């Protein structure tokens, strides 16, 4: 998930920052809102969302990676006479995708909490404001242009 939204373990290893566009829709209407999130390649970043003219700013952190890396070893031979030392680095995708949590606040002290799930550089989730209003969220990498 790139990390957050989304399949970027490779991006994290490259040290690049990536910007994501957020589209939000409340569950009680078809009105659309927007926001942005930036991944700093360490499984965390900044996020900003504007709802009804009020801007919420905060941070997000990865709570479950989309990919993991490890070293696998093995040996050749039979019984105790085998010899080892063979191995390789492997990367495995998490079949459930990656997850992240965002905590945002506005200048008036109101808050917005978001849970995201992702894979293959795209994702979505849900945000809730202090009054319990929920917003469905789509995330996608911002176009470079």
N, C-alpha and C. Protein backbone atom coordinates (compact mmCIF):
# COMPACT_ATOMS: atom_id res chain seq x y z
N UNK A 1 0.86 -1.16 0.00
CA UNK A 1 0.00 0.00 0.00
C UNK A 1 0.87 1.17 0.00
N UNK A 2 1.61 1.42 -0.91
CA UNK A 2 2.50 2.44 -0.52
C UNK A 2 2.20 2.39 0.91
N UNK A 3 2.60 3.00 1.82
CA UNK A 3 2.27 2.59 3.17
C UNK A 3 0.83 2.88 3.44
N UNK A 4 0.50 4.12 3.38
CA UNK A 4 -0.81 4.50 3.84
C UNK A 4 -1.85 4.08 2.90
N UNK A 5 -1.89 4.54 1.89
CA UNK A 5 -3.05 4.33 1.08
C UNK A 5 -2.55 3.58 -0.08
N UNK A 6 -1.82 2.54 0.86
CA UNK A 6 -1.87 2.38 0.11
C UNK A 6 -0.89 1.85 -0.71
N UNK A 7 0.00 0.39 -0.88
CA UNK A 7 1.09 -0.33 -1.38
C UNK A 7 2.42 0.33 -1.60
N UNK A 8 2.97 1.14 -0.64
CA UNK A 8 4.20 1.80 -1.02
C UNK A 8 5.40 1.42 -0.20
N UNK A 9 5.57 0.20 0.11
CA UNK A 9 6.80 -0.18 0.78
C UNK A 9 7.98 0.17 -0.12
N UNK A 10 7.80 -0.01 -1.40
CA UNK A 10 8.87 0.34 -2.33
C UNK A 10 9.15 1.83 -2.29
N UNK A 11 8.11 2.62 -2.18
CA UNK A 11 8.27 4.06 -2.10
C UNK A 11 8.99 4.45 -0.83
N UNK A 12 8.66 3.79 0.26
CA UNK A 12 9.32 4.09 1.53
C UNK A 12 10.80 3.79 1.44
N UNK A 13 11.15 2.73 0.76
CA UNK A 13 12.55 2.38 0.63
C UNK A 13 13.30 3.35 -0.27
N UNK A 14 12.59 3.99 -1.18
CA UNK A 14 13.25 4.92 -2.08
C UNK A 14 13.43 6.29 -1.46
N UNK A 15 12.74 6.60 -0.35
CA UNK A 15 12.90 7.88 0.32
C UNK A 15 12.12 9.02 -0.31
N UNK A 16 11.18 8.74 -1.17
CA UNK A 16 10.40 9.78 -1.83
C UNK A 16 9.15 10.11 -1.04
N UNK A 17 8.69 11.35 -1.17
CA UNK A 17 7.40 11.73 -0.59
C UNK A 17 6.36 11.64 -1.69
N UNK A 18 5.16 11.20 -1.33
CA UNK A 18 4.07 11.08 -2.28
C UNK A 18 2.86 11.81 -1.74
N UNK A 19 2.15 12.50 -2.63
CA UNK A 19 0.93 13.21 -2.26
C UNK A 19 -0.27 12.44 -2.75
N UNK A 20 -1.30 12.35 -1.91
CA UNK A 20 -2.54 11.67 -2.24
C UNK A 20 -3.69 12.67 -2.22
N UNK A 21 -4.65 12.47 -3.11
CA UNK A 21 -5.88 13.24 -3.13
C UNK A 21 -6.95 12.46 -2.39
N UNK A 22 -7.70 13.12 -1.53
CA UNK A 22 -8.79 12.49 -0.80
C UNK A 22 -10.11 13.04 -1.32
N UNK A 23 -11.08 12.18 -1.52
CA UNK A 23 -12.45 12.57 -1.84
C UNK A 23 -13.33 12.04 -0.72
N UNK A 24 -14.11 12.92 -0.11
CA UNK A 24 -14.96 12.54 1.02
C UNK A 24 -16.42 12.81 0.69
N UNK A 25 -17.29 11.90 1.12
CA UNK A 25 -18.73 12.08 0.95
C UNK A 25 -19.42 11.68 2.25
N UNK A 26 -20.22 12.59 2.82
CA UNK A 26 -20.95 12.21 4.04
C UNK A 26 -21.98 11.14 3.72
N UNK A 27 -22.28 10.34 4.72
CA UNK A 27 -23.23 9.25 4.50
C UNK A 27 -24.68 9.71 4.48
N UNK A 28 -24.91 11.00 4.71
CA UNK A 28 -26.28 11.51 4.70
C UNK A 28 -26.56 12.43 3.51
N UNK A 29 -25.61 12.59 2.58
CA UNK A 29 -25.85 13.40 1.38
C UNK A 29 -24.84 13.02 0.32
N UNK A 30 -25.00 13.59 -0.86
CA UNK A 30 -24.09 13.33 -1.97
C UNK A 30 -23.07 14.43 -2.17
N UNK A 31 -22.95 15.35 -1.22
CA UNK A 31 -22.00 16.45 -1.34
C UNK A 31 -20.57 15.90 -1.25
N UNK A 32 -19.68 16.45 -2.06
CA UNK A 32 -18.29 16.00 -2.08
C UNK A 32 -17.37 17.04 -1.43
N UNK A 33 -16.38 16.53 -0.70
CA UNK A 33 -15.36 17.36 -0.07
C UNK A 33 -14.01 16.80 -0.49
N UNK A 34 -12.94 17.54 -0.20
CA UNK A 34 -11.62 17.08 -0.63
C UNK A 34 -10.57 17.32 0.43
N UNK A 35 -9.43 16.71 0.20
CA UNK A 35 -8.30 16.87 1.09
C UNK A 35 -7.06 16.31 0.44
N UNK A 36 -5.95 16.43 1.14
CA UNK A 36 -4.68 15.89 0.67
C UNK A 36 -3.95 15.20 1.82
N UNK A 37 -3.15 14.24 1.48
CA UNK A 37 -2.28 13.57 2.44
C UNK A 37 -0.91 13.44 1.79
N UNK A 38 0.12 13.58 2.60
CA UNK A 38 1.49 13.44 2.12
C UNK A 38 2.16 12.34 2.92
N UNK A 39 2.78 11.40 2.21
CA UNK A 39 3.51 10.32 2.83
C UNK A 39 5.00 10.68 2.82
N UNK A 40 5.64 10.62 3.99
CA UNK A 40 7.05 11.01 4.05
C UNK A 40 8.00 9.82 3.95
N UNK A 41 7.52 8.66 3.57
CA UNK A 41 8.33 7.46 3.35
C UNK A 41 8.75 6.77 4.64
N UNK A 42 8.18 7.13 5.77
CA UNK A 42 8.48 6.45 7.02
C UNK A 42 7.22 5.84 7.62
N UNK A 43 6.20 5.62 6.81
CA UNK A 43 4.96 5.07 7.31
C UNK A 43 4.13 6.07 8.07
N UNK A 44 4.31 7.35 7.76
CA UNK A 44 3.53 8.41 8.38
C UNK A 44 3.59 9.65 7.51
N UNK A 45 2.78 10.64 7.86
CA UNK A 45 2.77 11.86 7.07
C UNK A 45 1.75 12.85 7.59
N UNK A 46 1.51 13.87 6.79
CA UNK A 46 0.55 14.92 7.15
C UNK A 46 -0.72 14.75 6.33
N UNK A 47 -1.81 15.34 6.84
CA UNK A 47 -3.09 15.23 6.17
C UNK A 47 -3.90 16.50 6.44
N UNK A 48 -4.67 16.92 5.44
CA UNK A 48 -5.52 18.10 5.56
C UNK A 48 -6.83 17.84 4.82
N UNK A 49 -7.95 18.17 5.48
CA UNK A 49 -9.27 17.96 4.90
C UNK A 49 -10.10 19.22 5.16
N UNK A 50 -10.88 19.66 4.16
CA UNK A 50 -11.77 20.81 4.33
C UNK A 50 -13.21 20.34 4.20
N UNK A 51 -14.01 20.58 5.25
CA UNK A 51 -15.43 20.23 5.29
C UNK A 51 -16.23 21.48 5.64
N UNK A 52 -17.16 21.85 4.78
CA UNK A 52 -18.02 23.01 5.02
C UNK A 52 -17.22 24.26 5.38
N UNK A 53 -16.12 24.49 4.66
CA UNK A 53 -15.30 25.68 4.88
C UNK A 53 -14.37 25.61 6.08
N UNK A 54 -14.39 24.52 6.84
CA UNK A 54 -13.51 24.36 8.00
C UNK A 54 -12.40 23.38 7.63
N UNK A 55 -11.15 23.81 7.86
CA UNK A 55 -10.02 22.96 7.52
C UNK A 55 -9.49 22.24 8.75
N UNK A 56 -9.34 20.93 8.61
CA UNK A 56 -8.78 20.07 9.64
C UNK A 56 -7.38 19.66 9.19
N UNK A 57 -6.40 19.80 10.08
CA UNK A 57 -5.02 19.42 9.78
C UNK A 57 -4.54 18.43 10.83
N UNK A 58 -3.68 17.53 10.42
CA UNK A 58 -3.13 16.58 11.38
C UNK A 58 -2.11 15.67 10.74
N UNK A 59 -1.95 14.52 11.37
CA UNK A 59 -0.98 13.53 10.91
C UNK A 59 -1.65 12.17 10.82
N UNK A 60 -1.05 11.29 10.05
CA UNK A 60 -1.50 9.91 9.97
C UNK A 60 -0.28 9.02 10.21
N UNK A 61 -0.55 7.83 10.72
CA UNK A 61 0.50 6.84 10.92
C UNK A 61 0.01 5.49 10.43
N UNK A 62 0.93 4.72 9.92
CA UNK A 62 0.64 3.36 9.49
C UNK A 62 0.42 2.50 10.73
N UNK A 63 -0.65 1.74 10.75
CA UNK A 63 -0.90 0.83 11.87
C UNK A 63 -0.70 -0.63 11.48
N UNK A 64 -0.71 -0.90 10.18
CA UNK A 64 -0.45 -2.25 9.66
C UNK A 64 0.15 -2.10 8.27
N UNK A 65 1.35 -2.62 8.04
CA UNK A 65 1.98 -2.45 6.73
C UNK A 65 1.30 -3.28 5.65
N UNK A 66 1.39 -2.78 4.43
CA UNK A 66 0.86 -3.52 3.28
C UNK A 66 1.84 -4.59 2.82
N UNK A 67 3.11 -4.38 3.14
CA UNK A 67 4.15 -5.33 2.75
C UNK A 67 5.12 -5.49 3.90
N UNK A 68 5.77 -6.63 3.92
CA UNK A 68 6.81 -6.87 4.90
C UNK A 68 8.01 -7.49 4.20
N UNK A 69 9.17 -7.34 4.80
CA UNK A 69 10.40 -7.85 4.22
C UNK A 69 11.07 -8.77 5.24
N UNK A 70 11.75 -9.78 4.75
CA UNK A 70 12.45 -10.69 5.64
C UNK A 70 13.52 -11.46 4.91
N UNK A 71 14.34 -12.13 5.69
CA UNK A 71 15.42 -12.96 5.13
C UNK A 71 15.05 -14.41 5.36
N UNK A 72 15.05 -15.20 4.30
CA UNK A 72 14.71 -16.61 4.37
C UNK A 72 15.98 -17.41 4.09
N UNK A 73 16.25 -18.39 4.96
CA UNK A 73 17.44 -19.23 4.76
C UNK A 73 17.02 -20.68 4.57
N UNK A 74 17.92 -21.44 4.04
CA UNK A 74 17.68 -22.87 3.84
C UNK A 74 19.00 -23.59 3.71
N UNK A 75 18.95 -24.88 3.64
CA UNK A 75 20.17 -25.67 3.54
C UNK A 75 20.00 -26.80 2.54
N UNK A 76 21.11 -27.44 2.24
CA UNK A 76 21.10 -28.57 1.32
C UNK A 76 21.63 -29.78 2.07
N UNK A 77 21.17 -30.94 1.74
CA UNK A 77 21.69 -32.16 2.36
C UNK A 77 20.61 -32.89 3.13
N UNK A 78 21.04 -33.96 3.82
CA UNK A 78 20.11 -34.80 4.56
C UNK A 78 20.52 -34.84 6.03
N UNK A 79 19.56 -34.87 6.89
CA UNK A 79 19.82 -35.02 8.32
C UNK A 79 20.79 -33.98 8.84
N UNK A 80 21.70 -34.45 9.68
CA UNK A 80 22.66 -33.53 10.31
C UNK A 80 23.86 -33.23 9.41
N UNK A 81 23.95 -33.89 8.29
CA UNK A 81 25.10 -33.70 7.42
C UNK A 81 24.89 -32.59 6.39
N UNK A 82 23.74 -31.97 6.41
CA UNK A 82 23.47 -30.91 5.44
C UNK A 82 24.30 -29.67 5.74
N UNK A 83 24.35 -28.79 4.78
CA UNK A 83 25.05 -27.52 5.00
C UNK A 83 24.08 -26.40 4.60
N UNK A 84 24.23 -25.31 5.26
CA UNK A 84 23.30 -24.21 5.05
C UNK A 84 24.01 -22.99 4.51
N UNK A 85 23.44 -21.85 4.82
CA UNK A 85 24.05 -20.61 4.39
C UNK A 85 23.40 -20.00 3.17
N UNK A 86 22.46 -20.68 2.56
CA UNK A 86 21.77 -20.12 1.41
C UNK A 86 20.58 -19.32 1.91
N UNK A 87 20.35 -18.18 1.31
CA UNK A 87 19.21 -17.38 1.73
C UNK A 87 18.97 -16.22 0.78
N UNK A 88 17.86 -15.55 1.00
CA UNK A 88 17.50 -14.42 0.15
C UNK A 88 16.54 -13.50 0.89
N UNK A 89 16.57 -12.23 0.50
CA UNK A 89 15.58 -11.28 1.02
C UNK A 89 14.29 -11.48 0.23
N UNK A 90 13.18 -11.48 0.92
CA UNK A 90 11.88 -11.62 0.26
C UNK A 90 10.95 -10.51 0.73
N UNK A 91 10.03 -10.15 -0.12
CA UNK A 91 8.98 -9.19 0.21
C UNK A 91 7.66 -9.90 0.05
N UNK A 92 6.80 -9.77 1.05
CA UNK A 92 5.49 -10.41 0.98
C UNK A 92 4.40 -9.36 1.16
N UNK A 93 3.37 -9.46 0.32
CA UNK A 93 2.21 -8.58 0.45
C UNK A 93 1.32 -9.08 1.57
N UNK A 94 0.75 -8.15 2.31
CA UNK A 94 -0.24 -8.48 3.31
C UNK A 94 -1.57 -8.66 2.57
N UNK A 95 -2.19 -9.83 2.61
CA UNK A 95 -3.42 -10.04 1.83
C UNK A 95 -4.56 -9.12 2.26
N UNK A 96 -4.53 -8.60 3.49
CA UNK A 96 -5.57 -7.67 3.93
C UNK A 96 -5.26 -6.24 3.56
N UNK A 97 -4.11 -5.97 3.00
CA UNK A 97 -3.71 -4.60 2.67
C UNK A 97 -3.15 -3.89 3.88
N UNK A 98 -2.78 -2.65 3.68
CA UNK A 98 -2.24 -1.85 4.77
C UNK A 98 -3.34 -1.04 5.44
N UNK A 99 -3.05 -0.55 6.65
CA UNK A 99 -4.00 0.27 7.39
C UNK A 99 -3.28 1.46 7.99
N UNK A 100 -4.02 2.56 8.17
CA UNK A 100 -3.47 3.76 8.78
C UNK A 100 -4.55 4.46 9.59
N UNK A 101 -4.12 5.28 10.55
CA UNK A 101 -5.01 6.06 11.40
C UNK A 101 -4.58 7.52 11.31
N UNK A 102 -5.55 8.42 11.13
CA UNK A 102 -5.27 9.85 11.07
C UNK A 102 -6.05 10.58 12.16
N UNK A 103 -5.40 11.54 12.80
CA UNK A 103 -6.03 12.40 13.80
C UNK A 103 -5.84 13.84 13.36
N UNK A 104 -6.97 14.54 13.16
CA UNK A 104 -6.93 15.91 12.66
C UNK A 104 -7.71 16.82 13.59
N UNK A 105 -7.34 18.10 13.60
CA UNK A 105 -8.11 19.08 14.38
C UNK A 105 -8.20 20.38 13.60
N UNK A 106 -9.27 21.13 13.87
CA UNK A 106 -9.48 22.44 13.27
C UNK A 106 -9.08 23.51 14.28
N UNK A 107 -8.98 24.76 13.82
CA UNK A 107 -8.55 25.85 14.69
C UNK A 107 -9.51 26.09 15.85
N UNK A 108 -10.79 25.68 15.70
CA UNK A 108 -11.76 25.86 16.79
C UNK A 108 -11.73 24.71 17.80
N UNK A 109 -10.80 23.76 17.62
CA UNK A 109 -10.65 22.65 18.56
C UNK A 109 -11.46 21.42 18.21
N UNK A 110 -12.26 21.47 17.15
CA UNK A 110 -13.02 20.29 16.76
C UNK A 110 -12.10 19.29 16.07
N UNK A 111 -12.50 18.01 16.12
CA UNK A 111 -11.64 16.97 15.61
C UNK A 111 -12.26 16.11 14.53
N UNK A 112 -11.41 15.42 13.81
CA UNK A 112 -11.79 14.47 12.77
C UNK A 112 -10.83 13.29 12.90
N UNK A 113 -11.39 12.07 12.94
CA UNK A 113 -10.61 10.86 13.07
C UNK A 113 -10.87 9.97 11.86
N UNK A 114 -9.81 9.46 11.26
CA UNK A 114 -9.97 8.68 10.02
C UNK A 114 -9.24 7.35 10.12
N UNK A 115 -9.86 6.31 9.57
CA UNK A 115 -9.26 4.99 9.44
C UNK A 115 -9.21 4.66 7.96
N UNK A 116 -8.01 4.28 7.49
CA UNK A 116 -7.81 3.99 6.08
C UNK A 116 -7.32 2.57 5.89
N UNK A 117 -7.66 2.00 4.74
CA UNK A 117 -7.20 0.68 4.34
C UNK A 117 -6.78 0.82 2.88
N UNK A 118 -5.70 0.11 2.49
CA UNK A 118 -5.24 0.31 1.13
C UNK A 118 -4.49 -0.88 0.57
N UNK A 119 -4.21 -0.77 -0.71
CA UNK A 119 -3.41 -1.74 -1.44
C UNK A 119 -3.21 -1.24 -2.85
N UNK A 120 -2.07 -1.57 -3.44
CA UNK A 120 -1.76 -1.20 -4.82
C UNK A 120 -1.83 0.30 -5.08
N UNK A 121 -1.44 1.13 -4.09
CA UNK A 121 -1.37 2.56 -4.30
C UNK A 121 -2.70 3.29 -4.24
N UNK A 122 -3.78 2.59 -3.92
CA UNK A 122 -5.09 3.22 -3.80
C UNK A 122 -5.75 2.69 -2.54
N UNK A 123 -6.74 3.43 -2.08
CA UNK A 123 -7.41 2.96 -0.87
C UNK A 123 -8.62 3.79 -0.53
N UNK A 124 -9.11 3.55 0.66
CA UNK A 124 -10.26 4.27 1.13
C UNK A 124 -10.41 4.08 2.62
N UNK A 125 -11.50 4.61 3.12
CA UNK A 125 -11.72 4.48 4.55
C UNK A 125 -12.91 5.30 4.99
N UNK A 126 -12.90 5.62 6.27
CA UNK A 126 -13.99 6.36 6.89
C UNK A 126 -13.40 7.41 7.82
N UNK A 127 -13.98 8.62 7.80
CA UNK A 127 -13.64 9.67 8.76
C UNK A 127 -14.89 9.97 9.58
N UNK A 128 -14.68 10.31 10.87
CA UNK A 128 -15.79 10.68 11.77
C UNK A 128 -15.44 11.98 12.45
N UNK A 129 -16.43 12.89 12.50
CA UNK A 129 -16.19 14.14 13.23
C UNK A 129 -16.62 13.98 14.68
N UNK A 130 -16.45 15.03 15.47
CA UNK A 130 -16.78 14.97 16.90
C UNK A 130 -18.25 14.70 17.18
N UNK A 131 -19.11 15.02 16.25
CA UNK A 131 -20.55 14.78 16.42
C UNK A 131 -20.96 13.39 15.96
N UNK A 132 -20.01 12.61 15.45
CA UNK A 132 -20.31 11.26 15.00
C UNK A 132 -20.70 11.15 13.54
N UNK A 133 -20.68 12.26 12.81
CA UNK A 133 -21.01 12.22 11.39
C UNK A 133 -19.88 11.49 10.65
N UNK A 134 -20.26 10.55 9.80
CA UNK A 134 -19.28 9.74 9.08
C UNK A 134 -19.19 10.14 7.62
N UNK A 135 -17.97 10.05 7.10
CA UNK A 135 -17.66 10.37 5.71
C UNK A 135 -16.92 9.20 5.10
N UNK A 136 -17.41 8.69 3.97
CA UNK A 136 -16.66 7.68 3.23
C UNK A 136 -15.55 8.40 2.46
N UNK A 137 -14.39 7.75 2.38
CA UNK A 137 -13.21 8.39 1.78
C UNK A 137 -12.61 7.51 0.71
N UNK A 138 -12.24 8.13 -0.40
CA UNK A 138 -11.44 7.49 -1.46
C UNK A 138 -10.09 8.18 -1.46
N UNK A 139 -9.02 7.40 -1.64
CA UNK A 139 -7.66 7.95 -1.73
C UNK A 139 -7.01 7.48 -3.01
N UNK A 140 -6.30 8.38 -3.65
CA UNK A 140 -5.54 7.98 -4.85
C UNK A 140 -4.34 8.91 -4.98
N UNK A 141 -3.26 8.40 -5.57
CA UNK A 141 -2.09 9.25 -5.76
C UNK A 141 -2.46 10.47 -6.59
N UNK A 142 -1.94 11.64 -6.18
CA UNK A 142 -2.19 12.88 -6.92
C UNK A 142 -1.48 12.81 -8.26
N UNK A 143 -2.10 13.41 -9.26
CA UNK A 143 -1.46 13.42 -10.58
C UNK A 143 -0.25 14.33 -10.53
N UNK A 144 0.76 13.97 -11.29
CA UNK A 144 1.99 14.76 -11.32
C UNK A 144 1.92 15.71 -12.50
N UNK A 145 1.55 16.92 -12.20
CA UNK A 145 1.46 17.81 -13.32
C UNK A 145 1.11 19.17 -13.00
